[in-house]
Amino acid sequence: MLNRLDEMLNFHTQALRVRDQRQQVLASNIANADTPNYKARDLDFNTALQTALKGSGTGAPAAGGGVRLATTAPGHLAGAPGLGAGAGLLYRNPAQGSVDGNTVDVDAERAAMAENTIHYEFNLTRLGQQIKGLLSAIQG
């Protein structure tokens, strides 16, 4: 019974985690808008969500966070793995080149953040509705 509840809530829970991670990537792009040679990044939401769902079939975060970083020398640090979305993290193609090599388009980043925020709020609302539905079923 508990597994069914976890599975029911798992999709929106993982979607919220991936949306949060994407928001951090987009915020990092905006923060580095004036950094020379900074390459804008974005998260492939579908790939990251599929990876997160595969890594946590019970609704719990993936063991060890999902992705393990390769260390090629004894002095390398293991790093802090994310939600398994590293495979979905891509470089954004610039709409217009810049002299300093920076590929951040602040307007595009803001639009992506607004879109991501709307989707985040939707997932949060759906998760809340599912929990309210469960509570009403339990209370009768």
N, C-alpha and C. Protein backbone atom coordinates (compact mmCIF):
# COMPACT_ATOMS: atom_id res chain seq x y z
N MET A 1 0.82 -1.19 0.00
CA MET A 1 0.00 0.00 0.00
C MET A 1 0.87 1.26 0.00
N LEU A 2 1.92 1.23 0.79
CA LEU A 2 2.79 2.39 0.87
C LEU A 2 3.50 2.63 -0.45
N ASN A 3 3.88 1.56 -1.17
CA ASN A 3 4.52 1.71 -2.47
C ASN A 3 3.61 2.39 -3.46
N ARG A 4 2.32 2.09 -3.41
CA ARG A 4 1.36 2.73 -4.32
C ARG A 4 1.27 4.23 -4.05
N LEU A 5 1.28 4.60 -2.78
CA LEU A 5 1.24 6.02 -2.43
C LEU A 5 2.51 6.72 -2.91
N ASP A 6 3.64 6.08 -2.70
CA ASP A 6 4.91 6.65 -3.15
C ASP A 6 4.92 6.83 -4.67
N GLU A 7 4.46 5.81 -5.39
CA GLU A 7 4.44 5.88 -6.85
C GLU A 7 3.52 6.98 -7.34
N MET A 8 2.40 7.17 -6.64
CA MET A 8 1.44 8.18 -7.04
C MET A 8 2.03 9.59 -6.90
N LEU A 9 2.77 9.81 -5.83
CA LEU A 9 3.33 11.13 -5.57
C LEU A 9 4.71 11.32 -6.20
N ASN A 10 5.33 10.25 -6.67
CA ASN A 10 6.72 10.29 -7.15
C ASN A 10 6.92 11.21 -8.35
N PHE A 11 6.02 11.16 -9.33
CA PHE A 11 6.22 11.92 -10.56
C PHE A 11 6.34 13.42 -10.27
N HIS A 12 5.36 13.96 -9.56
CA HIS A 12 5.39 15.41 -9.30
C HIS A 12 6.50 15.79 -8.33
N THR A 13 6.85 14.89 -7.42
CA THR A 13 7.97 15.16 -6.52
C THR A 13 9.28 15.27 -7.30
N GLN A 14 9.51 14.31 -8.18
CA GLN A 14 10.74 14.34 -8.99
C GLN A 14 10.72 15.52 -9.96
N ALA A 15 9.55 15.83 -10.52
CA ALA A 15 9.45 16.97 -11.43
C ALA A 15 9.80 18.26 -10.70
N LEU A 16 9.35 18.40 -9.46
CA LEU A 16 9.69 19.59 -8.67
C LEU A 16 11.19 19.67 -8.43
N ARG A 17 11.82 18.54 -8.15
CA ARG A 17 13.27 18.54 -7.92
C ARG A 17 14.04 18.94 -9.18
N VAL A 18 13.62 18.42 -10.32
CA VAL A 18 14.31 18.75 -11.58
C VAL A 18 14.05 20.20 -11.95
N ARG A 19 12.82 20.68 -11.74
CA ARG A 19 12.51 22.10 -12.03
C ARG A 19 13.35 23.01 -11.14
N ASP A 20 13.54 22.62 -9.87
CA ASP A 20 14.39 23.40 -8.98
C ASP A 20 15.83 23.44 -9.48
N GLN A 21 16.30 22.30 -9.93
CA GLN A 21 17.67 22.25 -10.45
C GLN A 21 17.81 23.11 -11.70
N ARG A 22 16.80 23.09 -12.58
CA ARG A 22 16.83 23.91 -13.79
C ARG A 22 16.81 25.39 -13.42
N GLN A 23 16.04 25.76 -12.40
CA GLN A 23 15.98 27.16 -11.97
C GLN A 23 17.36 27.62 -11.50
N GLN A 24 18.08 26.74 -10.82
CA GLN A 24 19.42 27.09 -10.37
C GLN A 24 20.38 27.29 -11.54
N VAL A 25 20.26 26.45 -12.56
CA VAL A 25 21.11 26.58 -13.76
C VAL A 25 20.81 27.89 -14.47
N LEU A 26 19.53 28.22 -14.61
CA LEU A 26 19.15 29.46 -15.28
C LEU A 26 19.61 30.68 -14.48
N ALA A 27 19.49 30.62 -13.16
CA ALA A 27 19.95 31.71 -12.31
C ALA A 27 21.46 31.88 -12.42
N SER A 28 22.17 30.77 -12.54
CA SER A 28 23.63 30.82 -12.72
C SER A 28 23.98 31.50 -14.04
N ASN A 29 23.20 31.22 -15.08
CA ASN A 29 23.44 31.87 -16.37
C ASN A 29 23.28 33.38 -16.25
N ILE A 30 22.21 33.81 -15.60
CA ILE A 30 21.96 35.25 -15.45
C ILE A 30 23.05 35.89 -14.59
N ALA A 31 23.47 35.21 -13.54
CA ALA A 31 24.53 35.74 -12.68
C ALA A 31 25.85 35.91 -13.42
N ASN A 32 26.06 35.09 -14.45
CA ASN A 32 27.32 35.14 -15.21
C ASN A 32 27.15 35.83 -16.56
N ALA A 33 26.15 36.68 -16.69
CA ALA A 33 25.88 37.34 -17.96
C ALA A 33 27.04 38.24 -18.42
N ASP A 34 27.82 38.74 -17.48
CA ASP A 34 28.94 39.62 -17.83
C ASP A 34 30.29 38.94 -17.72
N THR A 35 30.33 37.64 -17.49
CA THR A 35 31.58 36.91 -17.35
C THR A 35 32.11 36.54 -18.74
N PRO A 36 33.31 36.99 -19.07
CA PRO A 36 33.86 36.66 -20.40
C PRO A 36 34.01 35.14 -20.58
N ASN A 37 33.71 34.68 -21.77
CA ASN A 37 33.81 33.28 -22.18
C ASN A 37 32.90 32.32 -21.39
N TYR A 38 31.92 32.84 -20.68
CA TYR A 38 30.97 31.96 -19.99
C TYR A 38 30.00 31.40 -21.01
N LYS A 39 29.78 30.11 -20.95
CA LYS A 39 28.86 29.44 -21.87
C LYS A 39 27.57 29.13 -21.13
N ALA A 40 26.46 29.65 -21.66
CA ALA A 40 25.15 29.44 -21.04
C ALA A 40 24.79 27.96 -21.09
N ARG A 41 24.20 27.48 -19.99
CA ARG A 41 23.80 26.07 -19.89
C ARG A 41 22.30 26.01 -19.67
N ASP A 42 21.75 24.88 -19.99
CA ASP A 42 20.34 24.63 -19.71
C ASP A 42 20.16 23.15 -19.46
N LEU A 43 19.06 22.82 -18.85
CA LEU A 43 18.77 21.44 -18.49
C LEU A 43 17.74 20.89 -19.45
N ASP A 44 18.01 19.73 -20.01
CA ASP A 44 17.01 19.04 -20.83
C ASP A 44 16.06 18.39 -19.84
N PHE A 45 14.90 19.03 -19.64
CA PHE A 45 13.98 18.61 -18.59
C PHE A 45 13.53 17.16 -18.76
N ASN A 46 13.17 16.77 -19.97
CA ASN A 46 12.68 15.40 -20.19
C ASN A 46 13.72 14.35 -19.83
N THR A 47 14.96 14.55 -20.29
CA THR A 47 16.03 13.61 -19.98
C THR A 47 16.30 13.56 -18.48
N ALA A 48 16.34 14.73 -17.85
CA ALA A 48 16.63 14.80 -16.42
C ALA A 48 15.51 14.15 -15.61
N LEU A 49 14.26 14.36 -16.02
CA LEU A 49 13.14 13.76 -15.29
C LEU A 49 13.14 12.24 -15.45
N GLN A 50 13.40 11.76 -16.65
CA GLN A 50 13.46 10.31 -16.86
C GLN A 50 14.57 9.69 -16.02
N THR A 51 15.72 10.35 -15.96
CA THR A 51 16.83 9.85 -15.16
C THR A 51 16.47 9.84 -13.67
N ALA A 52 15.80 10.90 -13.21
CA ALA A 52 15.41 10.98 -11.80
C ALA A 52 14.37 9.92 -11.47
N LEU A 53 13.43 9.69 -12.39
CA LEU A 53 12.40 8.68 -12.14
C LEU A 53 12.98 7.27 -12.13
N LYS A 54 13.94 7.01 -12.99
CA LYS A 54 14.58 5.69 -13.00
C LYS A 54 15.41 5.47 -11.75
N GLY A 55 16.03 6.53 -11.27
CA GLY A 55 16.91 6.42 -10.11
C GLY A 55 16.18 6.30 -8.80
N SER A 56 14.89 6.60 -8.79
CA SER A 56 14.15 6.55 -7.52
C SER A 56 12.76 6.00 -7.75
N GLY A 57 12.67 4.72 -7.86
CA GLY A 57 11.40 4.08 -8.08
C GLY A 57 10.48 4.10 -6.87
N THR A 58 11.00 4.42 -5.70
CA THR A 58 10.17 4.42 -4.49
C THR A 58 9.85 5.82 -4.02
N GLY A 59 10.21 6.83 -4.77
CA GLY A 59 9.90 8.19 -4.36
C GLY A 59 11.01 8.82 -3.54
N ALA A 60 11.98 8.06 -3.13
CA ALA A 60 13.10 8.60 -2.37
C ALA A 60 14.16 9.08 -3.35
N PRO A 61 15.02 10.01 -2.94
CA PRO A 61 16.09 10.43 -3.84
C PRO A 61 16.98 9.26 -4.21
N ALA A 62 17.54 9.33 -5.38
CA ALA A 62 18.40 8.25 -5.85
C ALA A 62 19.55 8.05 -4.89
N ALA A 63 19.94 6.82 -4.70
CA ALA A 63 21.03 6.51 -3.78
C ALA A 63 22.30 7.22 -4.21
N GLY A 64 22.87 7.97 -3.29
CA GLY A 64 24.09 8.71 -3.61
C GLY A 64 23.83 9.91 -4.49
N GLY A 65 22.57 10.25 -4.76
CA GLY A 65 22.26 11.43 -5.54
C GLY A 65 22.10 11.17 -7.01
N GLY A 66 22.45 10.01 -7.54
CA GLY A 66 22.18 9.71 -8.94
C GLY A 66 23.42 9.54 -9.78
N VAL A 67 24.17 10.58 -10.03
CA VAL A 67 25.30 10.50 -10.95
C VAL A 67 26.60 10.49 -10.16
N ARG A 68 27.50 9.64 -10.56
CA ARG A 68 28.82 9.59 -9.92
C ARG A 68 29.82 10.20 -10.89
N LEU A 69 30.60 11.15 -10.41
CA LEU A 69 31.57 11.82 -11.25
C LEU A 69 32.82 10.97 -11.41
N ALA A 70 33.38 10.99 -12.61
CA ALA A 70 34.60 10.23 -12.88
C ALA A 70 35.81 11.00 -12.36
N THR A 71 36.68 10.31 -11.65
CA THR A 71 37.93 10.92 -11.18
C THR A 71 39.06 10.22 -11.92
N THR A 72 39.87 11.02 -12.60
CA THR A 72 40.93 10.46 -13.43
C THR A 72 42.31 10.56 -12.79
N ALA A 73 42.38 11.23 -11.64
CA ALA A 73 43.65 11.35 -10.93
C ALA A 73 43.38 11.23 -9.44
N PRO A 74 44.37 10.77 -8.67
CA PRO A 74 44.14 10.57 -7.24
C PRO A 74 43.78 11.85 -6.49
N GLY A 75 44.17 13.00 -6.99
CA GLY A 75 43.89 14.27 -6.31
C GLY A 75 42.52 14.84 -6.61
N HIS A 76 41.78 14.25 -7.53
CA HIS A 76 40.46 14.78 -7.89
C HIS A 76 39.45 14.52 -6.78
N LEU A 77 38.58 15.50 -6.57
CA LEU A 77 37.51 15.35 -5.58
C LEU A 77 36.33 14.64 -6.22
N ALA A 78 35.58 13.91 -5.44
CA ALA A 78 34.43 13.16 -5.97
C ALA A 78 33.31 14.08 -6.42
N GLY A 79 33.17 15.25 -5.83
CA GLY A 79 32.12 16.18 -6.23
C GLY A 79 30.81 15.88 -5.54
N ALA A 80 29.86 16.77 -5.72
CA ALA A 80 28.53 16.59 -5.14
C ALA A 80 27.55 16.31 -6.26
N PRO A 81 27.18 15.07 -6.46
CA PRO A 81 26.28 14.74 -7.55
C PRO A 81 24.90 15.32 -7.34
N GLY A 82 24.23 15.61 -8.45
CA GLY A 82 22.88 16.18 -8.39
C GLY A 82 21.83 15.09 -8.43
N LEU A 83 20.75 15.36 -9.13
CA LEU A 83 19.63 14.42 -9.20
C LEU A 83 19.77 13.44 -10.33
N GLY A 84 20.93 13.29 -10.86
CA GLY A 84 21.06 12.44 -12.02
C GLY A 84 20.78 13.20 -13.29
N ALA A 85 20.72 14.52 -13.19
CA ALA A 85 20.37 15.33 -14.35
C ALA A 85 21.60 15.82 -15.09
N GLY A 86 22.78 15.41 -14.68
CA GLY A 86 23.99 15.84 -15.36
C GLY A 86 24.00 15.47 -16.82
N ALA A 87 23.36 14.34 -17.16
CA ALA A 87 23.28 13.92 -18.55
C ALA A 87 22.39 14.86 -19.34
N GLY A 88 21.46 15.54 -18.66
CA GLY A 88 20.55 16.45 -19.35
C GLY A 88 21.05 17.87 -19.41
N LEU A 89 22.20 18.18 -18.80
CA LEU A 89 22.75 19.52 -18.78
C LEU A 89 23.51 19.78 -20.07
N LEU A 90 23.05 20.76 -20.84
CA LEU A 90 23.61 21.03 -22.16
C LEU A 90 24.02 22.49 -22.26
N TYR A 91 24.83 22.79 -23.27
CA TYR A 91 25.17 24.17 -23.57
C TYR A 91 24.10 24.75 -24.47
N ARG A 92 23.76 26.01 -24.22
CA ARG A 92 22.75 26.68 -25.02
C ARG A 92 23.40 27.28 -26.26
N ASN A 93 22.74 27.16 -27.40
CA ASN A 93 23.24 27.76 -28.64
C ASN A 93 22.93 29.25 -28.61
N PRO A 94 23.95 30.10 -28.82
CA PRO A 94 23.70 31.54 -28.75
C PRO A 94 22.91 32.03 -29.96
N ALA A 95 21.98 32.95 -29.70
CA ALA A 95 21.20 33.55 -30.78
C ALA A 95 22.04 34.59 -31.50
N GLN A 96 22.94 35.21 -30.77
CA GLN A 96 23.80 36.24 -31.34
C GLN A 96 25.15 36.17 -30.64
N GLY A 97 26.20 36.17 -31.41
CA GLY A 97 27.55 36.10 -30.85
C GLY A 97 27.92 37.36 -30.12
N SER A 98 28.90 37.24 -29.21
CA SER A 98 29.39 38.42 -28.51
C SER A 98 30.90 38.47 -28.63
N VAL A 99 31.45 39.65 -28.44
CA VAL A 99 32.89 39.86 -28.59
C VAL A 99 33.68 39.12 -27.52
N ASP A 100 33.13 39.07 -26.29
CA ASP A 100 33.87 38.44 -25.19
C ASP A 100 33.65 36.94 -25.08
N GLY A 101 32.87 36.34 -25.98
CA GLY A 101 32.67 34.90 -25.98
C GLY A 101 31.58 34.41 -25.05
N ASN A 102 30.88 35.32 -24.39
CA ASN A 102 29.79 34.96 -23.49
C ASN A 102 28.55 34.65 -24.32
N THR A 103 27.86 33.54 -24.01
CA THR A 103 26.70 33.13 -24.79
C THR A 103 25.37 33.35 -24.07
N VAL A 104 25.38 34.09 -22.96
CA VAL A 104 24.16 34.32 -22.19
C VAL A 104 23.33 35.42 -22.84
N ASP A 105 22.08 35.11 -23.14
CA ASP A 105 21.10 36.09 -23.59
C ASP A 105 20.15 36.29 -22.42
N VAL A 106 20.27 37.43 -21.74
CA VAL A 106 19.53 37.66 -20.50
C VAL A 106 18.02 37.58 -20.73
N ASP A 107 17.53 38.10 -21.85
CA ASP A 107 16.10 38.05 -22.12
C ASP A 107 15.62 36.61 -22.29
N ALA A 108 16.39 35.79 -22.99
CA ALA A 108 16.02 34.38 -23.17
C ALA A 108 16.07 33.64 -21.83
N GLU A 109 17.04 33.97 -20.99
CA GLU A 109 17.16 33.33 -19.68
C GLU A 109 15.97 33.70 -18.79
N ARG A 110 15.59 34.97 -18.82
CA ARG A 110 14.43 35.40 -18.02
C ARG A 110 13.16 34.72 -18.50
N ALA A 111 12.99 34.61 -19.81
CA ALA A 111 11.81 33.93 -20.35
C ALA A 111 11.80 32.46 -19.94
N ALA A 112 12.96 31.81 -19.99
CA ALA A 112 13.05 30.41 -19.58
C ALA A 112 12.76 30.26 -18.09
N MET A 113 13.22 31.23 -17.28
CA MET A 113 12.94 31.19 -15.84
C MET A 113 11.45 31.35 -15.57
N ALA A 114 10.80 32.26 -16.30
CA ALA A 114 9.36 32.47 -16.11
C ALA A 114 8.58 31.21 -16.49
N GLU A 115 8.96 30.59 -17.60
CA GLU A 115 8.30 29.36 -18.03
C GLU A 115 8.52 28.25 -17.00
N ASN A 116 9.74 28.11 -16.53
CA ASN A 116 10.06 27.08 -15.54
C ASN A 116 9.29 27.32 -14.25
N THR A 117 9.14 28.57 -13.85
CA THR A 117 8.41 28.91 -12.64
C THR A 117 6.94 28.51 -12.76
N ILE A 118 6.34 28.75 -13.92
CA ILE A 118 4.95 28.37 -14.14
C ILE A 118 4.78 26.85 -14.04
N HIS A 119 5.70 26.12 -14.67
CA HIS A 119 5.64 24.66 -14.59
C HIS A 119 5.87 24.17 -13.16
N TYR A 120 6.77 24.82 -12.44
CA TYR A 120 7.04 24.46 -11.05
C TYR A 120 5.77 24.63 -10.22
N GLU A 121 5.11 25.77 -10.39
CA GLU A 121 3.88 26.03 -9.63
C GLU A 121 2.79 25.03 -9.99
N PHE A 122 2.72 24.63 -11.27
CA PHE A 122 1.74 23.62 -11.67
C PHE A 122 2.00 22.29 -10.95
N ASN A 123 3.27 21.85 -10.96
CA ASN A 123 3.61 20.59 -10.29
C ASN A 123 3.33 20.67 -8.80
N LEU A 124 3.61 21.82 -8.22
CA LEU A 124 3.35 22.01 -6.78
C LEU A 124 1.85 21.95 -6.50
N THR A 125 1.06 22.58 -7.34
CA THR A 125 -0.40 22.55 -7.18
C THR A 125 -0.95 21.14 -7.33
N ARG A 126 -0.48 20.42 -8.35
CA ARG A 126 -0.95 19.04 -8.56
C ARG A 126 -0.58 18.14 -7.38
N LEU A 127 0.63 18.30 -6.87
CA LEU A 127 1.05 17.51 -5.72
C LEU A 127 0.17 17.82 -4.52
N GLY A 128 -0.13 19.08 -4.31
CA GLY A 128 -1.02 19.48 -3.22
C GLY A 128 -2.42 18.91 -3.38
N GLN A 129 -2.92 18.89 -4.61
CA GLN A 129 -4.23 18.31 -4.88
C GLN A 129 -4.24 16.82 -4.60
N GLN A 130 -3.17 16.14 -4.97
CA GLN A 130 -3.10 14.70 -4.71
C GLN A 130 -3.09 14.42 -3.21
N ILE A 131 -2.35 15.21 -2.46
CA ILE A 131 -2.29 15.03 -1.01
C ILE A 131 -3.65 15.32 -0.38
N LYS A 132 -4.31 16.40 -0.84
CA LYS A 132 -5.65 16.72 -0.32
C LYS A 132 -6.63 15.60 -0.64
N GLY A 133 -6.53 15.03 -1.83
CA GLY A 133 -7.39 13.90 -2.20
C GLY A 133 -7.17 12.70 -1.30
N LEU A 134 -5.90 12.42 -0.98
CA LEU A 134 -5.60 11.32 -0.07
C LEU A 134 -6.13 11.59 1.33
N LEU A 135 -5.99 12.82 1.81
CA LEU A 135 -6.50 13.17 3.13
C LEU A 135 -8.02 13.04 3.20
N SER A 136 -8.70 13.49 2.16
CA SER A 136 -10.17 13.38 2.18
C SER A 136 -10.60 11.92 2.10
N ALA A 137 -9.86 11.09 1.40
CA ALA A 137 -10.19 9.67 1.34
C ALA A 137 -9.96 9.00 2.69
N ILE A 138 -8.92 9.40 3.39
CA ILE A 138 -8.62 8.83 4.70
C ILE A 138 -9.64 9.28 5.74
N GLN A 139 -9.99 10.58 5.70
CA GLN A 139 -10.90 11.12 6.69
C GLN A 139 -12.36 10.76 6.41
N GLY A 140 -12.66 10.42 5.17
CA GLY A 140 -14.01 9.97 4.83
C GLY A 140 -14.95 11.02 4.42
